[in-house]
């Protein structure tokens, strides 16, 4: 289980480096002239939505996999 947790952490870290995850927040915050506080809040909202949707998809995938196996 430690190997799975470590692998998930490494993949998650590398995943956050993709420009598709942080660049939209940077561009929107610059275009709307947001303060640093507003930019961080926008990033937290976007990240929360991303994590929530990914978690739901993971649970659906596990449920379907369990059903088929």
C-alpha atoms as a PDB file:
ATOM      1  CA  UNK A   1       0.000   0.000   0.000  1.00  0.00           C
ATOM      2  CA  UNK A   2       2.921   2.354   0.640  1.00  0.00           C
ATOM      3  CA  UNK A   3       4.079   1.862  -2.947  1.00  0.00           C
ATOM      4  CA  UNK A   4       0.613   2.737  -4.262  1.00  0.00           C
ATOM      5  CA  UNK A   5       0.450   5.861  -2.075  1.00  0.00           C
ATOM      6  CA  UNK A   6       3.937   6.949  -3.092  1.00  0.00           C
ATOM      7  CA  UNK A   7       3.159   6.348  -6.769  1.00  0.00           C
ATOM      8  CA  UNK A   8      -0.072   8.349  -6.493  1.00  0.00           C
ATOM      9  CA  UNK A   9       1.790  11.197  -4.830  1.00  0.00           C
ATOM     10  CA  UNK A  10       4.487  11.302  -7.505  1.00  0.00           C
ATOM     11  CA  UNK A  11       1.982  11.107 -10.358  1.00  0.00           C
ATOM     12  CA  UNK A  12      -0.136  13.799  -8.684  1.00  0.00           C
ATOM     13  CA  UNK A  13       2.859  16.097  -8.302  1.00  0.00           C
ATOM     14  CA  UNK A  14       3.940  15.658 -11.931  1.00  0.00           C
ATOM     15  CA  UNK A  15       0.304  16.072 -13.018  1.00  0.00           C
ATOM     16  CA  UNK A  16       0.107  19.517 -11.384  1.00  0.00           C
ATOM     17  CA  UNK A  17       3.098  20.718 -13.390  1.00  0.00           C
ATOM     18  CA  UNK A  18       1.154  20.446 -16.662  1.00  0.00           C
ATOM     19  CA  UNK A  19       0.423  23.941 -18.012  1.00  0.00           C
ATOM     20  CA  UNK A  20      -3.205  22.983 -18.590  1.00  0.00           C
ATOM     21  CA  UNK A  21      -3.692  23.028 -14.832  1.00  0.00           C
ATOM     22  CA  UNK A  22      -2.176  26.342 -13.823  1.00  0.00           C
ATOM     23  CA  UNK A  23      -1.992  28.426 -16.999  1.00  0.00           C
ATOM     24  CA  UNK A  24      -5.756  29.109 -17.283  1.00  0.00           C
ATOM     25  CA  UNK A  25      -5.810  30.488 -13.736  1.00  0.00           C
ATOM     26  CA  UNK A  26      -2.800  32.697 -14.469  1.00  0.00           C
ATOM     27  CA  UNK A  27      -4.321  34.007 -17.693  1.00  0.00           C
ATOM     28  CA  UNK A  28      -7.741  34.700 -16.150  1.00  0.00           C
ATOM     29  CA  UNK A  29      -6.215  36.391 -13.114  1.00  0.00           C
ATOM     30  CA  UNK A  30      -4.071  38.627 -15.309  1.00  0.00           C
ATOM     31  CA  UNK A  31      -6.918  39.462 -17.693  1.00  0.00           C
ATOM     32  CA  UNK A  32      -9.228  40.377 -14.806  1.00  0.00           C
ATOM     33  CA  UNK A  33      -6.424  42.055 -12.851  1.00  0.00           C
ATOM     34  CA  UNK A  34      -7.026  39.922  -9.771  1.00  0.00           C
ATOM     35  CA  UNK A  35      -4.958  40.400  -6.646  1.00  0.00           C
ATOM     36  CA  UNK A  36      -2.776  37.583  -5.392  1.00  0.00           C
ATOM     37  CA  UNK A  37      -5.451  36.670  -2.839  1.00  0.00           C
ATOM     38  CA  UNK A  38      -8.146  36.465  -5.536  1.00  0.00           C
ATOM     39  CA  UNK A  39      -5.838  34.429  -7.788  1.00  0.00           C
ATOM     40  CA  UNK A  40      -5.114  31.927  -5.021  1.00  0.00           C
ATOM     41  CA  UNK A  41      -8.832  31.644  -4.254  1.00  0.00           C
ATOM     42  CA  UNK A  42      -9.580  31.035  -7.958  1.00  0.00           C
ATOM     43  CA  UNK A  43      -6.882  28.382  -8.098  1.00  0.00           C
ATOM     44  CA  UNK A  44      -8.294  26.676  -4.991  1.00  0.00           C
ATOM     45  CA  UNK A  45     -11.803  26.648  -6.458  1.00  0.00           C
ATOM     46  CA  UNK A  46     -10.546  25.211  -9.762  1.00  0.00           C
ATOM     47  CA  UNK A  47      -8.400  22.607  -7.981  1.00  0.00           C
ATOM     48  CA  UNK A  48     -11.284  21.587  -5.726  1.00  0.00           C
ATOM     49  CA  UNK A  49     -13.542  21.029  -8.721  1.00  0.00           C
ATOM     50  CA  UNK A  50     -10.830  19.035 -10.471  1.00  0.00           C
ATOM     51  CA  UNK A  51     -10.246  16.812  -7.446  1.00  0.00           C
ATOM     52  CA  UNK A  52     -13.976  16.308  -6.852  1.00  0.00           C
ATOM     53  CA  UNK A  53     -14.703  15.286 -10.447  1.00  0.00           C
ATOM     54  CA  UNK A  54     -11.647  13.028 -10.565  1.00  0.00           C
ATOM     55  CA  UNK A  55     -12.702  11.374  -7.300  1.00  0.00           C
ATOM     56  CA  UNK A  56     -16.233  10.728  -8.564  1.00  0.00           C
ATOM     57  CA  UNK A  57     -14.860   9.252 -11.791  1.00  0.00           C
ATOM     58  CA  UNK A  58     -12.493   7.047  -9.784  1.00  0.00           C
ATOM     59  CA  UNK A  59     -15.334   5.757  -7.601  1.00  0.00           C
ATOM     60  CA  UNK A  60     -17.493   5.034 -10.662  1.00  0.00           C
ATOM     61  CA  UNK A  61     -14.580   3.213 -12.293  1.00  0.00           C
ATOM     62  CA  UNK A  62     -13.977   1.098  -9.190  1.00  0.00           C
ATOM     63  CA  UNK A  63     -17.678   0.286  -8.892  1.00  0.00           C
ATOM     64  CA  UNK A  64     -17.907  -0.729 -12.540  1.00  0.00           C
ATOM     65  CA  UNK A  65     -14.720  -2.752 -12.326  1.00  0.00           C
ATOM     66  CA  UNK A  66     -15.970  -4.555  -9.234  1.00  0.00           C
ATOM     67  CA  UNK A  67     -19.293  -5.268 -10.939  1.00  0.00           C
ATOM     68  CA  UNK A  68     -17.653  -6.733 -14.035  1.00  0.00           C
ATOM     69  CA  UNK A  69     -15.117  -8.804 -12.123  1.00  0.00           C
END
